[in-house]
Amino acid sequence: MLTIRKFAELAGTTRRTLLFYDQEDVFKPAHIADNGYRYYSYDQLYQLKFILQLRHLDLPLATIKELLATNDATQLNEQLKAVSSHIQTEIDNLTRLKATLTERFQQPAISTERQLQSPTIVERPAMSFWCSPKSVGCTDDDISALYQTFYQLIGPLKLLDKHESGFLTALANSNAQAYPTANFQIIKAVSLADITTVPIIQRPAGQYVVATAMNDMGSILHTLENIQHYVNRHHLTIATRMWQLNLDEWLTSKAGSQYISLEYQLM
């Protein structure tokens, strides 16, 4: 017979655990002496190791106790199927997390040194973006609610991948006066394209009129006016949608970074 200390060492557990299992009528010593000392047999090791493994799989103690009382293999299989399903879900989540972090580390560093830039023409590649439903307003509450819903759909991990994010705003002619009430959608560049339930829009490749603004209403309106003057002065035609892209992953207010890029495709 083994003392409780020796048996705990042999089983790779603790005296406290054995006392707890005894108290809960899950696993009892083979013999309790008159002086209260607990003794265990070598043969009990196999059952205890089985219990410890079930606990390692996060099966509740009450469930383990029930399984041991009935020796029901079918019930055990059902419990283990549920555990297996839970483990697979955790594996899938960790796989997505690893892929997101790997992709992030492969992305170029984002420069945090920004300044306001006047309108200029820039060549942009084609790019796919996930997009939210259209907004019904542009108050802080509206944007926050849409932002929360959108990142629940595509997954909060997408906040970490450093891909472009921002807004697609219905604003013809770079009309500054219409901006405060214009409809918009939150957008995030597609990465690890494993989402089929969120709409995707394409930003066409081509030339864009691009200007940098501070993320506040005054600066945005002023920059929109500058774009409009630039377009008129050069006799250009621009699309009716504005791509408002964050220039940093750190968002300061209204789901936007401190500096933002306002971009219109040339038609």
C-alpha atoms as a PDB file:
ATOM      1  CA  MET A   1       0.000   0.000   0.000  1.00  0.00           C
ATOM      2  CA  LEU A   2       1.100   3.546  -0.706  1.00  0.00           C
ATOM      3  CA  THR A   3       0.756   6.613   1.451  1.00  0.00           C
ATOM      4  CA  ILE A   4      -1.153   9.529  -0.028  1.00  0.00           C
ATOM      5  CA  ARG A   5       2.083  11.425  -0.622  1.00  0.00           C
ATOM      6  CA  LYS A   6       3.765   8.534  -2.434  1.00  0.00           C
ATOM      7  CA  PHE A   7       0.649   7.791  -4.477  1.00  0.00           C
ATOM      8  CA  ALA A   8       0.287  11.442  -5.501  1.00  0.00           C
ATOM      9  CA  GLU A   9       3.925  11.511  -6.652  1.00  0.00           C
ATOM     10  CA  LEU A  10       3.456   8.302  -8.637  1.00  0.00           C
ATOM     11  CA  ALA A  11       0.303   9.632 -10.311  1.00  0.00           C
ATOM     12  CA  GLY A  12       1.781  13.043 -11.078  1.00  0.00           C
ATOM     13  CA  THR A  13      -0.761  14.938  -9.013  1.00  0.00           C
ATOM     14  CA  THR A  14      -0.987  16.462  -5.541  1.00  0.00           C
ATOM     15  CA  ARG A  15      -2.090  15.352  -2.104  1.00  0.00           C
ATOM     16  CA  ARG A  16      -4.591  18.196  -2.131  1.00  0.00           C
ATOM     17  CA  THR A  17      -6.202  16.851  -5.315  1.00  0.00           C
ATOM     18  CA  LEU A  18      -6.563  13.383  -3.829  1.00  0.00           C
ATOM     19  CA  LEU A  19      -8.167  14.797  -0.702  1.00  0.00           C
ATOM     20  CA  PHE A  20     -10.566  16.828  -2.838  1.00  0.00           C
ATOM     21  CA  TYR A  21     -11.526  13.816  -4.966  1.00  0.00           C
ATOM     22  CA  ASP A  22     -12.135  11.827  -1.792  1.00  0.00           C
ATOM     23  CA  GLN A  23     -14.317  14.588  -0.391  1.00  0.00           C
ATOM     24  CA  GLU A  24     -16.343  14.719  -3.636  1.00  0.00           C
ATOM     25  CA  ASP A  25     -16.755  10.912  -3.733  1.00  0.00           C
ATOM     26  CA  VAL A  26     -14.968  10.710  -7.077  1.00  0.00           C
ATOM     27  CA  PHE A  27     -11.881   8.732  -6.077  1.00  0.00           C
ATOM     28  CA  LYS A  28     -11.339   7.216  -2.640  1.00  0.00           C
ATOM     29  CA  PRO A  29      -8.375   5.542  -1.005  1.00  0.00           C
ATOM     30  CA  ALA A  30      -8.276   1.782  -0.781  1.00  0.00           C
ATOM     31  CA  HIS A  31      -7.958   1.952   2.996  1.00  0.00           C
ATOM     32  CA  ILE A  32      -8.206   4.546   5.751  1.00  0.00           C
ATOM     33  CA  ALA A  33      -6.375   3.605   8.948  1.00  0.00           C
ATOM     34  CA  ASP A  34      -7.711   4.233  12.424  1.00  0.00           C
ATOM     35  CA  ASN A  35      -5.436   7.242  12.687  1.00  0.00           C
ATOM     36  CA  GLY A  36      -7.016   8.727   9.541  1.00  0.00           C
ATOM     37  CA  TYR A  37      -4.071   8.021   7.257  1.00  0.00           C
ATOM     38  CA  ARG A  38      -5.092   7.246   3.677  1.00  0.00           C
ATOM     39  CA  TYR A  39      -3.531   4.391   1.743  1.00  0.00           C
ATOM     40  CA  TYR A  40      -3.783   3.541  -1.946  1.00  0.00           C
ATOM     41  CA  SER A  41      -3.023   0.452  -3.984  1.00  0.00           C
ATOM     42  CA  TYR A  42      -0.960   0.345  -7.149  1.00  0.00           C
ATOM     43  CA  ASP A  43      -3.991  -0.863  -9.095  1.00  0.00           C
ATOM     44  CA  GLN A  44      -5.824   2.385  -8.304  1.00  0.00           C
ATOM     45  CA  LEU A  45      -3.270   4.283 -10.356  1.00  0.00           C
ATOM     46  CA  TYR A  46      -4.988   3.328 -13.631  1.00  0.00           C
ATOM     47  CA  GLN A  47      -8.367   4.732 -12.647  1.00  0.00           C
ATOM     48  CA  LEU A  48      -6.846   7.903 -11.240  1.00  0.00           C
ATOM     49  CA  LYS A  49      -4.843   8.545 -14.402  1.00  0.00           C
ATOM     50  CA  PHE A  50      -8.067   8.114 -16.394  1.00  0.00           C
ATOM     51  CA  ILE A  51      -9.830  10.656 -14.162  1.00  0.00           C
ATOM     52  CA  LEU A  52      -6.949  13.111 -14.437  1.00  0.00           C
ATOM     53  CA  GLN A  53      -7.000  12.905 -18.224  1.00  0.00           C
ATOM     54  CA  LEU A  54     -10.742  13.533 -18.327  1.00  0.00           C
ATOM     55  CA  ARG A  55     -10.217  16.581 -16.127  1.00  0.00           C
ATOM     56  CA  HIS A  56      -7.417  17.690 -18.455  1.00  0.00           C
ATOM     57  CA  LEU A  57     -10.037  17.645 -21.222  1.00  0.00           C
ATOM     58  CA  ASP A  58     -12.166  19.982 -19.063  1.00  0.00           C
ATOM     59  CA  LEU A  59     -14.912  17.468 -18.352  1.00  0.00           C
ATOM     60  CA  PRO A  60     -16.808  18.615 -15.256  1.00  0.00           C
ATOM     61  CA  LEU A  61     -16.151  16.626 -12.112  1.00  0.00           C
ATOM     62  CA  ALA A  62     -19.870  15.803 -11.816  1.00  0.00           C
ATOM     63  CA  THR A  63     -19.821  14.293 -15.315  1.00  0.00           C
ATOM     64  CA  ILE A  64     -16.735  12.220 -14.530  1.00  0.00           C
ATOM     65  CA  LYS A  65     -18.341  10.979 -11.343  1.00  0.00           C
ATOM     66  CA  GLU A  66     -21.434   9.941 -13.278  1.00  0.00           C
ATOM     67  CA  LEU A  67     -19.367   8.167 -15.946  1.00  0.00           C
ATOM     68  CA  LEU A  68     -17.411   6.228 -13.326  1.00  0.00           C
ATOM     69  CA  ALA A  69     -20.608   5.207 -11.557  1.00  0.00           C
ATOM     70  CA  THR A  70     -22.231   3.787 -14.686  1.00  0.00           C
ATOM     71  CA  ASN A  71     -19.227   2.591 -16.724  1.00  0.00           C
ATOM     72  CA  ASP A  72     -21.277   3.648 -19.745  1.00  0.00           C
ATOM     73  CA  ALA A  73     -18.961   3.671 -22.787  1.00  0.00           C
ATOM     74  CA  THR A  74     -21.643   5.195 -25.007  1.00  0.00           C
ATOM     75  CA  GLN A  75     -22.105   8.118 -22.653  1.00  0.00           C
ATOM     76  CA  LEU A  76     -18.337   8.543 -22.441  1.00  0.00           C
ATOM     77  CA  ASN A  77     -18.112   8.624 -26.232  1.00  0.00           C
ATOM     78  CA  GLU A  78     -20.757  11.339 -26.406  1.00  0.00           C
ATOM     79  CA  GLN A  79     -18.897  13.415 -23.844  1.00  0.00           C
ATOM     80  CA  LEU A  80     -15.620  12.974 -25.706  1.00  0.00           C
ATOM     81  CA  LYS A  81     -17.250  13.928 -29.015  1.00  0.00           C
ATOM     82  CA  ALA A  82     -18.285  17.228 -27.470  1.00  0.00           C
ATOM     83  CA  VAL A  83     -14.745  17.726 -26.165  1.00  0.00           C
ATOM     84  CA  SER A  84     -13.324  16.876 -29.593  1.00  0.00           C
ATOM     85  CA  SER A  85     -15.609  19.429 -31.235  1.00  0.00           C
ATOM     86  CA  HIS A  86     -14.529  22.074 -28.711  1.00  0.00           C
ATOM     87  CA  ILE A  87     -10.847  21.274 -29.309  1.00  0.00           C
ATOM     88  CA  GLN A  88     -11.313  21.548 -33.081  1.00  0.00           C
ATOM     89  CA  THR A  89     -12.936  24.946 -32.656  1.00  0.00           C
ATOM     90  CA  GLU A  90      -9.983  26.095 -30.567  1.00  0.00           C
ATOM     91  CA  ILE A  91      -7.555  24.733 -33.181  1.00  0.00           C
ATOM     92  CA  ASP A  92      -9.405  26.613 -35.933  1.00  0.00           C
ATOM     93  CA  ASN A  93      -9.308  29.830 -33.900  1.00  0.00           C
ATOM     94  CA  LEU A  94      -5.598  29.468 -33.201  1.00  0.00           C
ATOM     95  CA  THR A  95      -4.917  28.679 -36.853  1.00  0.00           C
ATOM     96  CA  ARG A  96      -6.680  31.881 -37.907  1.00  0.00           C
ATOM     97  CA  LEU A  97      -4.782  33.830 -35.260  1.00  0.00           C
ATOM     98  CA  LYS A  98      -1.442  32.416 -36.445  1.00  0.00           C
ATOM     99  CA  ALA A  99      -2.272  33.202 -40.079  1.00  0.00           C
ATOM    100  CA  THR A 100      -3.278  36.763 -39.160  1.00  0.00           C
ATOM    101  CA  LEU A 101      -0.081  37.390 -37.191  1.00  0.00           C
ATOM    102  CA  THR A 102       2.090  35.814 -39.914  1.00  0.00           C
ATOM    103  CA  GLU A 103       0.455  38.041 -42.507  1.00  0.00           C
ATOM    104  CA  ARG A 104       0.881  41.100 -40.298  1.00  0.00           C
ATOM    105  CA  PHE A 105       4.608  40.490 -39.864  1.00  0.00           C
ATOM    106  CA  GLN A 106       4.976  40.123 -43.627  1.00  0.00           C
ATOM    107  CA  GLN A 107       3.391  43.528 -44.293  1.00  0.00           C
ATOM    108  CA  PRO A 108       5.674  46.555 -44.711  1.00  0.00           C
ATOM    109  CA  ALA A 109       6.011  48.913 -41.793  1.00  0.00           C
ATOM    110  CA  ILE A 110       3.522  51.766 -41.730  1.00  0.00           C
ATOM    111  CA  SER A 111       5.097  55.202 -41.576  1.00  0.00           C
ATOM    112  CA  THR A 112       3.699  57.344 -38.783  1.00  0.00           C
ATOM    113  CA  GLU A 113       5.249  60.555 -40.150  1.00  0.00           C
ATOM    114  CA  ARG A 114       2.377  62.240 -41.982  1.00  0.00           C
ATOM    115  CA  GLN A 115       1.599  65.702 -43.205  1.00  0.00           C
ATOM    116  CA  LEU A 116      -1.144  67.403 -45.159  1.00  0.00           C
ATOM    117  CA  GLN A 117      -0.745  67.077 -48.920  1.00  0.00           C
ATOM    118  CA  SER A 118      -2.459  69.033 -51.674  1.00  0.00           C
ATOM    119  CA  PRO A 119      -4.346  67.162 -54.413  1.00  0.00           C
ATOM    120  CA  THR A 120      -2.213  65.196 -56.824  1.00  0.00           C
ATOM    121  CA  ILE A 121      -2.743  62.331 -59.260  1.00  0.00           C
ATOM    122  CA  VAL A 122      -1.612  58.899 -58.083  1.00  0.00           C
ATOM    123  CA  GLU A 123      -1.723  55.497 -59.774  1.00  0.00           C
ATOM    124  CA  ARG A 124      -3.585  52.966 -57.620  1.00  0.00           C
ATOM    125  CA  PRO A 125      -3.697  49.182 -58.109  1.00  0.00           C
ATOM    126  CA  ALA A 126      -6.940  47.212 -58.100  1.00  0.00           C
ATOM    127  CA  MET A 127      -7.929  46.103 -54.606  1.00  0.00           C
ATOM    128  CA  SER A 128     -10.785  44.196 -52.991  1.00  0.00           C
ATOM    129  CA  PHE A 129     -12.500  45.456 -49.852  1.00  0.00           C
ATOM    130  CA  TRP A 130     -15.052  43.996 -47.479  1.00  0.00           C
ATOM    131  CA  CYS A 131     -17.788  46.543 -46.942  1.00  0.00           C
ATOM    132  CA  SER A 132     -20.438  47.192 -44.341  1.00  0.00           C
ATOM    133  CA  PRO A 133     -24.081  48.042 -45.084  1.00  0.00           C
ATOM    134  CA  LYS A 134     -24.616  51.689 -45.974  1.00  0.00           C
ATOM    135  CA  SER A 135     -24.936  54.113 -43.115  1.00  0.00           C
ATOM    136  CA  VAL A 136     -28.099  55.943 -42.220  1.00  0.00           C
ATOM    137  CA  GLY A 137     -26.184  58.827 -40.695  1.00  0.00           C
ATOM    138  CA  CYS A 138     -22.723  59.940 -39.704  1.00  0.00           C
ATOM    139  CA  THR A 139     -23.008  60.738 -36.011  1.00  0.00           C
ATOM    140  CA  ASP A 140     -20.542  59.195 -33.566  1.00  0.00           C
ATOM    141  CA  ASP A 141     -23.241  56.711 -32.492  1.00  0.00           C
ATOM    142  CA  ASP A 142     -23.990  55.730 -36.091  1.00  0.00           C
ATOM    143  CA  ILE A 143     -20.345  55.146 -36.935  1.00  0.00           C
ATOM    144  CA  SER A 144     -19.613  53.261 -33.703  1.00  0.00           C
ATOM    145  CA  ALA A 145     -22.594  50.940 -34.159  1.00  0.00           C
ATOM    146  CA  LEU A 146     -21.718  50.246 -37.809  1.00  0.00           C
ATOM    147  CA  TYR A 147     -18.050  49.702 -36.919  1.00  0.00           C
ATOM    148  CA  GLN A 148     -18.944  47.238 -34.165  1.00  0.00           C
ATOM    149  CA  THR A 149     -21.309  45.274 -36.407  1.00  0.00           C
ATOM    150  CA  PHE A 150     -18.864  45.228 -39.322  1.00  0.00           C
ATOM    151  CA  TYR A 151     -15.925  43.843 -37.337  1.00  0.00           C
ATOM    152  CA  GLN A 152     -18.138  41.220 -35.756  1.00  0.00           C
ATOM    153  CA  LEU A 153     -18.925  40.028 -39.286  1.00  0.00           C
ATOM    154  CA  ILE A 154     -15.378  39.915 -40.649  1.00  0.00           C
ATOM    155  CA  GLY A 155     -13.782  39.050 -37.292  1.00  0.00           C
ATOM    156  CA  PRO A 156     -12.010  41.283 -34.755  1.00  0.00           C
ATOM    157  CA  LEU A 157      -8.666  39.716 -35.741  1.00  0.00           C
ATOM    158  CA  LYS A 158      -8.837  41.698 -38.976  1.00  0.00           C
ATOM    159  CA  LEU A 159      -8.025  44.769 -36.889  1.00  0.00           C
ATOM    160  CA  LEU A 160      -4.487  43.401 -36.522  1.00  0.00           C
ATOM    161  CA  ASP A 161      -3.535  42.653 -40.123  1.00  0.00           C
ATOM    162  CA  LYS A 162      -2.396  46.180 -41.147  1.00  0.00           C
ATOM    163  CA  HIS A 163      -4.378  46.088 -44.393  1.00  0.00           C
ATOM    164  CA  GLU A 164      -6.082  49.273 -45.540  1.00  0.00           C
ATOM    165  CA  SER A 165      -9.304  50.386 -43.893  1.00  0.00           C
ATOM    166  CA  GLY A 166     -11.575  53.389 -44.044  1.00  0.00           C
ATOM    167  CA  PHE A 167     -14.799  54.437 -45.730  1.00  0.00           C
ATOM    168  CA  LEU A 168     -16.393  54.500 -49.148  1.00  0.00           C
ATOM    169  CA  THR A 169     -18.548  57.622 -49.294  1.00  0.00           C
ATOM    170  CA  ALA A 170     -21.190  58.539 -51.855  1.00  0.00           C
ATOM    171  CA  LEU A 171     -20.102  62.108 -52.573  1.00  0.00           C
ATOM    172  CA  ALA A 172     -20.274  63.342 -56.162  1.00  0.00           C
ATOM    173  CA  ASN A 173     -18.139  66.281 -57.326  1.00  0.00           C
ATOM    174  CA  SER A 174     -16.177  66.372 -54.048  1.00  0.00           C
ATOM    175  CA  ASN A 175     -19.076  68.358 -52.640  1.00  0.00           C
ATOM    176  CA  ALA A 176     -17.962  69.533 -49.203  1.00  0.00           C
ATOM    177  CA  GLN A 177     -21.419  70.808 -48.271  1.00  0.00           C
ATOM    178  CA  ALA A 178     -22.959  67.350 -48.807  1.00  0.00           C
ATOM    179  CA  TYR A 179     -20.279  65.473 -46.872  1.00  0.00           C
ATOM    180  CA  PRO A 180     -21.799  65.720 -43.343  1.00  0.00           C
ATOM    181  CA  THR A 181     -24.959  63.883 -44.465  1.00  0.00           C
ATOM    182  CA  ALA A 182     -23.511  61.612 -47.162  1.00  0.00           C
ATOM    183  CA  ASN A 183     -24.066  57.854 -46.998  1.00  0.00           C
ATOM    184  CA  PHE A 184     -20.941  55.794 -46.420  1.00  0.00           C
ATOM    185  CA  GLN A 185     -19.770  52.231 -45.905  1.00  0.00           C
ATOM    186  CA  ILE A 186     -16.940  51.034 -43.671  1.00  0.00           C
ATOM    187  CA  ILE A 187     -14.361  49.130 -45.714  1.00  0.00           C
ATOM    188  CA  LYS A 188     -11.431  46.838 -44.959  1.00  0.00           C
ATOM    189  CA  ALA A 189      -9.033  45.406 -47.533  1.00  0.00           C
ATOM    190  CA  VAL A 190      -9.653  41.698 -48.039  1.00  0.00           C
ATOM    191  CA  SER A 191      -7.058  39.425 -46.468  1.00  0.00           C
ATOM    192  CA  LEU A 192      -7.057  35.662 -45.963  1.00  0.00           C
ATOM    193  CA  ALA A 193     -10.231  35.490 -48.040  1.00  0.00           C
ATOM    194  CA  ASP A 194     -12.116  32.980 -45.898  1.00  0.00           C
ATOM    195  CA  ILE A 195     -15.300  35.034 -45.459  1.00  0.00           C
ATOM    196  CA  THR A 196     -18.218  34.502 -47.816  1.00  0.00           C
ATOM    197  CA  THR A 197     -20.995  36.234 -45.878  1.00  0.00           C
ATOM    198  CA  VAL A 198     -19.726  39.817 -46.171  1.00  0.00           C
ATOM    199  CA  PRO A 199     -20.084  41.810 -49.424  1.00  0.00           C
ATOM    200  CA  ILE A 200     -16.903  42.606 -51.333  1.00  0.00           C
ATOM    201  CA  ILE A 201     -16.408  45.662 -53.525  1.00  0.00           C
ATOM    202  CA  GLN A 202     -13.584  46.320 -55.947  1.00  0.00           C
ATOM    203  CA  ARG A 203     -11.491  49.447 -56.153  1.00  0.00           C
ATOM    204  CA  PRO A 204     -10.587  49.674 -59.838  1.00  0.00           C
ATOM    205  CA  ALA A 205      -6.998  50.121 -60.878  1.00  0.00           C
ATOM    206  CA  GLY A 206      -6.252  53.497 -62.390  1.00  0.00           C
ATOM    207  CA  GLN A 207      -5.429  57.103 -61.673  1.00  0.00           C
ATOM    208  CA  TYR A 208      -6.862  58.802 -58.611  1.00  0.00           C
ATOM    209  CA  VAL A 209      -6.922  62.374 -57.372  1.00  0.00           C
ATOM    210  CA  VAL A 210      -5.480  62.038 -53.880  1.00  0.00           C
ATOM    211  CA  ALA A 211      -5.161  64.504 -51.003  1.00  0.00           C
ATOM    212  CA  THR A 212      -4.297  64.104 -47.317  1.00  0.00           C
ATOM    213  CA  ALA A 213      -6.441  65.578 -44.547  1.00  0.00           C
ATOM    214  CA  MET A 214      -6.566  65.581 -40.781  1.00  0.00           C
ATOM    215  CA  ASN A 215      -9.364  63.432 -39.366  1.00  0.00           C
ATOM    216  CA  ASP A 216     -11.605  66.295 -38.307  1.00  0.00           C
ATOM    217  CA  MET A 217     -14.559  67.861 -40.035  1.00  0.00           C
ATOM    218  CA  GLY A 218     -12.894  71.194 -40.751  1.00  0.00           C
ATOM    219  CA  SER A 219      -9.834  69.673 -42.403  1.00  0.00           C
ATOM    220  CA  ILE A 220     -11.889  67.170 -44.407  1.00  0.00           C
ATOM    221  CA  LEU A 221     -14.222  69.856 -45.758  1.00  0.00           C
ATOM    222  CA  HIS A 222     -11.280  72.095 -46.640  1.00  0.00           C
ATOM    223  CA  THR A 223      -9.531  69.223 -48.450  1.00  0.00           C
ATOM    224  CA  LEU A 224     -12.705  68.328 -50.348  1.00  0.00           C
ATOM    225  CA  GLU A 225     -12.907  71.942 -51.565  1.00  0.00           C
ATOM    226  CA  ASN A 226      -9.262  71.758 -52.648  1.00  0.00           C
ATOM    227  CA  ILE A 227      -9.982  68.580 -54.619  1.00  0.00           C
ATOM    228  CA  GLN A 228     -12.975  70.212 -56.280  1.00  0.00           C
ATOM    229  CA  HIS A 229     -10.905  73.267 -57.286  1.00  0.00           C
ATOM    230  CA  TYR A 230      -8.107  71.002 -58.575  1.00  0.00           C
ATOM    231  CA  VAL A 231     -10.542  68.948 -60.656  1.00  0.00           C
ATOM    232  CA  ASN A 232     -12.209  72.034 -62.127  1.00  0.00           C
ATOM    233  CA  ARG A 233      -8.918  73.770 -62.851  1.00  0.00           C
ATOM    234  CA  HIS A 234      -7.555  70.759 -64.748  1.00  0.00           C
ATOM    235  CA  HIS A 235     -10.882  69.933 -66.443  1.00  0.00           C
ATOM    236  CA  LEU A 236     -11.009  66.448 -64.938  1.00  0.00           C
ATOM    237  CA  THR A 237     -13.920  64.099 -64.405  1.00  0.00           C
ATOM    238  CA  ILE A 238     -14.044  62.078 -61.190  1.00  0.00           C
ATOM    239  CA  ALA A 239     -16.176  59.184 -59.933  1.00  0.00           C
ATOM    240  CA  THR A 240     -19.160  59.731 -57.659  1.00  0.00           C
ATOM    241  CA  ARG A 241     -17.636  57.753 -54.775  1.00  0.00           C
ATOM    242  CA  MET A 242     -14.786  58.866 -52.519  1.00  0.00           C
ATOM    243  CA  TRP A 243     -12.329  56.420 -50.964  1.00  0.00           C
ATOM    244  CA  GLN A 244     -11.454  57.741 -47.520  1.00  0.00           C
ATOM    245  CA  LEU A 245      -8.541  55.609 -46.320  1.00  0.00           C
ATOM    246  CA  ASN A 246      -6.779  55.551 -42.967  1.00  0.00           C
ATOM    247  CA  LEU A 247      -3.049  56.214 -43.085  1.00  0.00           C
ATOM    248  CA  ASP A 248      -2.308  54.500 -39.791  1.00  0.00           C
ATOM    249  CA  GLU A 249      -3.668  51.459 -37.945  1.00  0.00           C
ATOM    250  CA  TRP A 250      -4.158  53.506 -34.758  1.00  0.00           C
ATOM    251  CA  LEU A 251      -7.663  54.935 -34.938  1.00  0.00           C
ATOM    252  CA  THR A 252      -8.211  58.218 -33.111  1.00  0.00           C
ATOM    253  CA  SER A 253     -11.896  58.993 -33.646  1.00  0.00           C
ATOM    254  CA  LYS A 254     -14.865  58.016 -35.807  1.00  0.00           C
ATOM    255  CA  ALA A 255     -13.057  54.842 -37.000  1.00  0.00           C
ATOM    256  CA  GLY A 256     -10.354  56.984 -38.584  1.00  0.00           C
ATOM    257  CA  SER A 257      -6.639  57.544 -38.065  1.00  0.00           C
ATOM    258  CA  GLN A 258      -5.133  60.948 -37.320  1.00  0.00           C
ATOM    259  CA  TYR A 259      -4.393  61.503 -41.019  1.00  0.00           C
ATOM    260  CA  ILE A 260      -6.603  60.201 -43.812  1.00  0.00           C
ATOM    261  CA  SER A 261      -6.336  60.023 -47.595  1.00  0.00           C
ATOM    262  CA  LEU A 262      -9.258  61.291 -49.693  1.00  0.00           C
ATOM    263  CA  GLU A 263      -9.233  59.697 -53.141  1.00  0.00           C
ATOM    264  CA  TYR A 264     -11.376  59.969 -56.278  1.00  0.00           C
ATOM    265  CA  GLN A 265     -10.887  57.820 -59.348  1.00  0.00           C
ATOM    266  CA  LEU A 266     -10.394  59.718 -62.602  1.00  0.00           C
ATOM    267  CA  MET A 267     -12.955  58.783 -65.228  1.00  0.00           C
END
